[in-house]
Amino acid sequence: MRTKIVKIFLDSNVILSGFLSYKGAPSIILDLLCLDLPFLKGCTGKYNLIEIQRNIQKKVPEILEIYQKYFPKLNLEIIPLPEKKEVKKYSGITSGKDIPVLLSAEKCSADFLVTGDKDLIKTKVKQDFQFEIISPSDCLEKIMGELF
């Protein structure tokens, strides 16, 4: 019987991609989270939500209604914005926009930070955090590995 819960932190680009296309790994991840499976928990940060809403309003306002209707079905834990002193501590180790994402993933005790950002996946800061930074397709492989 399964006792391990896999906790995934979704970066903004994964959530937005999942809402923009019904094909591909981001969409499948969102679908799995909507099922409220007992072994899979999702989270994202307030920082990410601000970025998602800004991008929807600026680039794809036609999906705003769909986003507002279906986002609550993901049952995501929302991590508050990191404090400025926390962000400042990591200043310079990677892109400034990625630091709040990394800190939020750490704060939620994620096993995996799931992102489509190839630079973040390749970043050297991986050793500073307790989670693995992976792509959406790698996330699906790991989830399936946990199932079988």
C-alpha atoms as a PDB file:
ATOM      1  CA  MET A   1       0.000   0.000   0.000  1.00  0.00           C
ATOM      2  CA  ARG A   2       1.242   3.465  -0.915  1.00  0.00           C
ATOM      3  CA  THR A   3       2.465   5.584   1.985  1.00  0.00           C
ATOM      4  CA  LYS A   4       4.625   8.168   0.168  1.00  0.00           C
ATOM      5  CA  ILE A   5       2.911  11.328  -0.989  1.00  0.00           C
ATOM      6  CA  VAL A   6       4.650  13.016  -3.915  1.00  0.00           C
ATOM      7  CA  LYS A   7       4.509  16.783  -3.627  1.00  0.00           C
ATOM      8  CA  ILE A   8       5.045  18.817  -6.775  1.00  0.00           C
ATOM      9  CA  PHE A   9       5.518  22.571  -7.024  1.00  0.00           C
ATOM     10  CA  LEU A  10       4.230  23.946 -10.317  1.00  0.00           C
ATOM     11  CA  ASP A  11       6.025  26.866 -11.896  1.00  0.00           C
ATOM     12  CA  SER A  12       3.892  29.489 -13.631  1.00  0.00           C
ATOM     13  CA  ASN A  13       4.779  28.288 -17.113  1.00  0.00           C
ATOM     14  CA  VAL A  14       3.503  24.765 -16.382  1.00  0.00           C
ATOM     15  CA  ILE A  15       0.137  25.994 -15.123  1.00  0.00           C
ATOM     16  CA  LEU A  16      -0.273  28.458 -17.968  1.00  0.00           C
ATOM     17  CA  SER A  17       0.763  25.865 -20.580  1.00  0.00           C
ATOM     18  CA  GLY A  18      -1.719  23.409 -19.117  1.00  0.00           C
ATOM     19  CA  PHE A  19      -4.524  25.925 -19.547  1.00  0.00           C
ATOM     20  CA  LEU A  20      -3.451  26.957 -23.043  1.00  0.00           C
ATOM     21  CA  SER A  21      -3.280  23.463 -24.527  1.00  0.00           C
ATOM     22  CA  TYR A  22      -5.141  20.261 -23.808  1.00  0.00           C
ATOM     23  CA  LYS A  23      -2.194  18.289 -25.168  1.00  0.00           C
ATOM     24  CA  GLY A  24       1.116  17.624 -23.526  1.00  0.00           C
ATOM     25  CA  ALA A  25       2.568  16.981 -20.116  1.00  0.00           C
ATOM     26  CA  PRO A  26       1.458  20.246 -18.426  1.00  0.00           C
ATOM     27  CA  SER A  27      -2.188  19.524 -19.234  1.00  0.00           C
ATOM     28  CA  ILE A  28      -1.903  15.924 -18.026  1.00  0.00           C
ATOM     29  CA  ILE A  29      -0.343  17.104 -14.752  1.00  0.00           C
ATOM     30  CA  LEU A  30      -3.230  19.530 -14.195  1.00  0.00           C
ATOM     31  CA  ASP A  31      -5.712  16.744 -14.982  1.00  0.00           C
ATOM     32  CA  LEU A  32      -4.049  14.441 -12.445  1.00  0.00           C
ATOM     33  CA  LEU A  33      -4.192  17.133  -9.774  1.00  0.00           C
ATOM     34  CA  CYS A  34      -7.907  17.661 -10.441  1.00  0.00           C
ATOM     35  CA  LEU A  35      -8.470  13.993  -9.590  1.00  0.00           C
ATOM     36  CA  ASP A  36      -7.344  14.681  -5.997  1.00  0.00           C
ATOM     37  CA  LEU A  37      -5.310  11.474  -5.897  1.00  0.00           C
ATOM     38  CA  PRO A  38      -4.181  10.547  -2.357  1.00  0.00           C
ATOM     39  CA  PHE A  39      -0.515  10.074  -3.361  1.00  0.00           C
ATOM     40  CA  LEU A  40      -0.111  13.361  -5.298  1.00  0.00           C
ATOM     41  CA  LYS A  41      -0.247  16.879  -3.908  1.00  0.00           C
ATOM     42  CA  GLY A  42       0.396  20.076  -5.792  1.00  0.00           C
ATOM     43  CA  CYS A  43       1.441  23.531  -4.756  1.00  0.00           C
ATOM     44  CA  THR A  44       2.476  26.814  -6.291  1.00  0.00           C
ATOM     45  CA  GLY A  45       3.421  30.220  -4.984  1.00  0.00           C
ATOM     46  CA  LYS A  46       1.558  33.480  -4.666  1.00  0.00           C
ATOM     47  CA  TYR A  47       4.446  34.875  -6.710  1.00  0.00           C
ATOM     48  CA  ASN A  48       3.559  32.415  -9.496  1.00  0.00           C
ATOM     49  CA  LEU A  49      -0.132  33.301  -9.365  1.00  0.00           C
ATOM     50  CA  ILE A  50       0.684  36.979  -9.792  1.00  0.00           C
ATOM     51  CA  GLU A  51       2.838  36.113 -12.808  1.00  0.00           C
ATOM     52  CA  ILE A  52       0.127  33.874 -14.317  1.00  0.00           C
ATOM     53  CA  GLN A  53      -2.577  36.519 -13.933  1.00  0.00           C
ATOM     54  CA  ARG A  54      -0.317  39.219 -15.391  1.00  0.00           C
ATOM     55  CA  ASN A  55       0.516  37.013 -18.406  1.00  0.00           C
ATOM     56  CA  ILE A  56      -3.117  36.074 -18.994  1.00  0.00           C
ATOM     57  CA  GLN A  57      -4.232  39.717 -18.915  1.00  0.00           C
ATOM     58  CA  LYS A  58      -1.370  40.825 -21.144  1.00  0.00           C
ATOM     59  CA  LYS A  59      -1.096  37.953 -23.653  1.00  0.00           C
ATOM     60  CA  VAL A  60      -4.190  35.705 -23.596  1.00  0.00           C
ATOM     61  CA  PRO A  61      -7.134  37.455 -21.911  1.00  0.00           C
ATOM     62  CA  GLU A  62      -9.531  35.077 -23.680  1.00  0.00           C
ATOM     63  CA  ILE A  63      -8.604  32.261 -21.258  1.00  0.00           C
ATOM     64  CA  LEU A  64      -9.212  34.280 -18.081  1.00  0.00           C
ATOM     65  CA  GLU A  65     -12.713  32.865 -17.556  1.00  0.00           C
ATOM     66  CA  ILE A  66     -11.511  29.275 -18.034  1.00  0.00           C
ATOM     67  CA  TYR A  67      -8.585  29.882 -15.667  1.00  0.00           C
ATOM     68  CA  GLN A  68     -10.840  31.349 -12.970  1.00  0.00           C
ATOM     69  CA  LYS A  69     -13.311  28.477 -13.290  1.00  0.00           C
ATOM     70  CA  TYR A  70     -10.854  25.563 -13.331  1.00  0.00           C
ATOM     71  CA  PHE A  71      -7.909  26.755 -11.233  1.00  0.00           C
ATOM     72  CA  PRO A  72      -9.668  25.968  -7.893  1.00  0.00           C
ATOM     73  CA  LYS A  73     -10.187  22.360  -9.079  1.00  0.00           C
ATOM     74  CA  LEU A  74      -6.414  21.845  -8.993  1.00  0.00           C
ATOM     75  CA  ASN A  75      -6.526  21.885  -5.171  1.00  0.00           C
ATOM     76  CA  LEU A  76      -3.115  23.541  -5.007  1.00  0.00           C
ATOM     77  CA  GLU A  77      -1.544  24.652  -1.778  1.00  0.00           C
ATOM     78  CA  ILE A  78      -0.608  28.315  -2.250  1.00  0.00           C
ATOM     79  CA  ILE A  79       2.680  29.392  -0.688  1.00  0.00           C
ATOM     80  CA  PRO A  80       2.859  33.037   0.474  1.00  0.00           C
ATOM     81  CA  LEU A  81       5.342  35.451  -1.083  1.00  0.00           C
ATOM     82  CA  PRO A  82       8.868  34.993   0.263  1.00  0.00           C
ATOM     83  CA  GLU A  83      10.158  37.742   2.508  1.00  0.00           C
ATOM     84  CA  LYS A  84      12.500  40.278   0.933  1.00  0.00           C
ATOM     85  CA  LYS A  85      15.365  39.262   3.227  1.00  0.00           C
ATOM     86  CA  GLU A  86      15.018  35.646   2.048  1.00  0.00           C
ATOM     87  CA  VAL A  87      15.122  36.710  -1.597  1.00  0.00           C
ATOM     88  CA  LYS A  88      18.085  38.992  -0.974  1.00  0.00           C
ATOM     89  CA  LYS A  89      20.033  36.124   0.618  1.00  0.00           C
ATOM     90  CA  TYR A  90      19.985  34.270  -2.707  1.00  0.00           C
ATOM     91  CA  SER A  91      20.525  37.337  -4.892  1.00  0.00           C
ATOM     92  CA  GLY A  92      23.004  36.675  -7.669  1.00  0.00           C
ATOM     93  CA  ILE A  93      22.928  32.872  -7.624  1.00  0.00           C
ATOM     94  CA  THR A  94      20.408  32.679 -10.449  1.00  0.00           C
ATOM     95  CA  SER A  95      17.953  34.897 -12.293  1.00  0.00           C
ATOM     96  CA  GLY A  96      16.161  37.256  -9.908  1.00  0.00           C
ATOM     97  CA  LYS A  97      12.739  36.127 -11.176  1.00  0.00           C
ATOM     98  CA  ASP A  98      13.545  32.515 -10.271  1.00  0.00           C
ATOM     99  CA  ILE A  99      14.551  33.097  -6.653  1.00  0.00           C
ATOM    100  CA  PRO A 100      10.972  33.519  -5.309  1.00  0.00           C
ATOM    101  CA  VAL A 101       9.983  30.353  -7.183  1.00  0.00           C
ATOM    102  CA  LEU A 102      12.838  28.357  -5.655  1.00  0.00           C
ATOM    103  CA  LEU A 103      12.114  29.687  -2.169  1.00  0.00           C
ATOM    104  CA  SER A 104       8.401  28.937  -2.484  1.00  0.00           C
ATOM    105  CA  ALA A 105       9.100  25.373  -3.639  1.00  0.00           C
ATOM    106  CA  GLU A 106      11.409  24.909  -0.656  1.00  0.00           C
ATOM    107  CA  LYS A 107       8.833  26.359   1.728  1.00  0.00           C
ATOM    108  CA  CYS A 108       6.168  23.881   0.617  1.00  0.00           C
ATOM    109  CA  SER A 109       8.573  20.936   1.078  1.00  0.00           C
ATOM    110  CA  ALA A 110       8.193  19.919  -2.555  1.00  0.00           C
ATOM    111  CA  ASP A 111       9.811  16.770  -3.836  1.00  0.00           C
ATOM    112  CA  PHE A 112       9.932  18.289  -7.317  1.00  0.00           C
ATOM    113  CA  LEU A 113       9.824  21.777  -8.800  1.00  0.00           C
ATOM    114  CA  VAL A 114       8.156  21.262 -12.181  1.00  0.00           C
ATOM    115  CA  THR A 115       9.079  23.881 -14.765  1.00  0.00           C
ATOM    116  CA  GLY A 116       9.331  24.375 -18.501  1.00  0.00           C
ATOM    117  CA  ASP A 117      12.203  26.818 -17.958  1.00  0.00           C
ATOM    118  CA  LYS A 118      15.237  24.974 -19.361  1.00  0.00           C
ATOM    119  CA  ASP A 119      17.641  27.447 -17.732  1.00  0.00           C
ATOM    120  CA  LEU A 120      16.116  26.760 -14.322  1.00  0.00           C
ATOM    121  CA  ILE A 121      16.332  23.004 -14.911  1.00  0.00           C
ATOM    122  CA  LYS A 122      20.040  23.353 -15.743  1.00  0.00           C
ATOM    123  CA  THR A 123      20.797  25.845 -12.958  1.00  0.00           C
ATOM    124  CA  LYS A 124      23.703  25.230 -10.616  1.00  0.00           C
ATOM    125  CA  VAL A 125      21.631  26.077  -7.514  1.00  0.00           C
ATOM    126  CA  LYS A 126      20.032  22.631  -7.389  1.00  0.00           C
ATOM    127  CA  GLN A 127      22.343  21.547  -4.583  1.00  0.00           C
ATOM    128  CA  ASP A 128      21.093  24.432  -2.391  1.00  0.00           C
ATOM    129  CA  PHE A 129      17.574  22.991  -2.205  1.00  0.00           C
ATOM    130  CA  GLN A 130      15.937  19.763  -1.061  1.00  0.00           C
ATOM    131  CA  PHE A 131      13.866  19.231  -4.209  1.00  0.00           C
ATOM    132  CA  GLU A 132      14.673  18.154  -7.744  1.00  0.00           C
ATOM    133  CA  ILE A 133      14.036  20.585 -10.619  1.00  0.00           C
ATOM    134  CA  ILE A 134      12.415  18.709 -13.500  1.00  0.00           C
ATOM    135  CA  SER A 135      10.463  19.202 -16.713  1.00  0.00           C
ATOM    136  CA  PRO A 136       6.740  18.387 -16.969  1.00  0.00           C
ATOM    137  CA  SER A 137       7.460  15.211 -18.979  1.00  0.00           C
ATOM    138  CA  ASP A 138      10.012  14.053 -16.389  1.00  0.00           C
ATOM    139  CA  CYS A 139       7.409  14.736 -13.718  1.00  0.00           C
ATOM    140  CA  LEU A 140       4.956  12.405 -15.416  1.00  0.00           C
ATOM    141  CA  GLU A 141       7.618   9.693 -15.631  1.00  0.00           C
ATOM    142  CA  LYS A 142       8.333  10.037 -11.916  1.00  0.00           C
ATOM    143  CA  ILE A 143       4.628   9.976 -11.010  1.00  0.00           C
ATOM    144  CA  MET A 144       4.109   6.860 -13.141  1.00  0.00           C
ATOM    145  CA  GLY A 145       7.198   5.332 -11.532  1.00  0.00           C
ATOM    146  CA  GLU A 146       5.579   5.837  -8.149  1.00  0.00           C
ATOM    147  CA  LEU A 147       2.417   4.114  -9.345  1.00  0.00           C
ATOM    148  CA  PHE A 148       4.005   1.028 -10.855  1.00  0.00           C
END
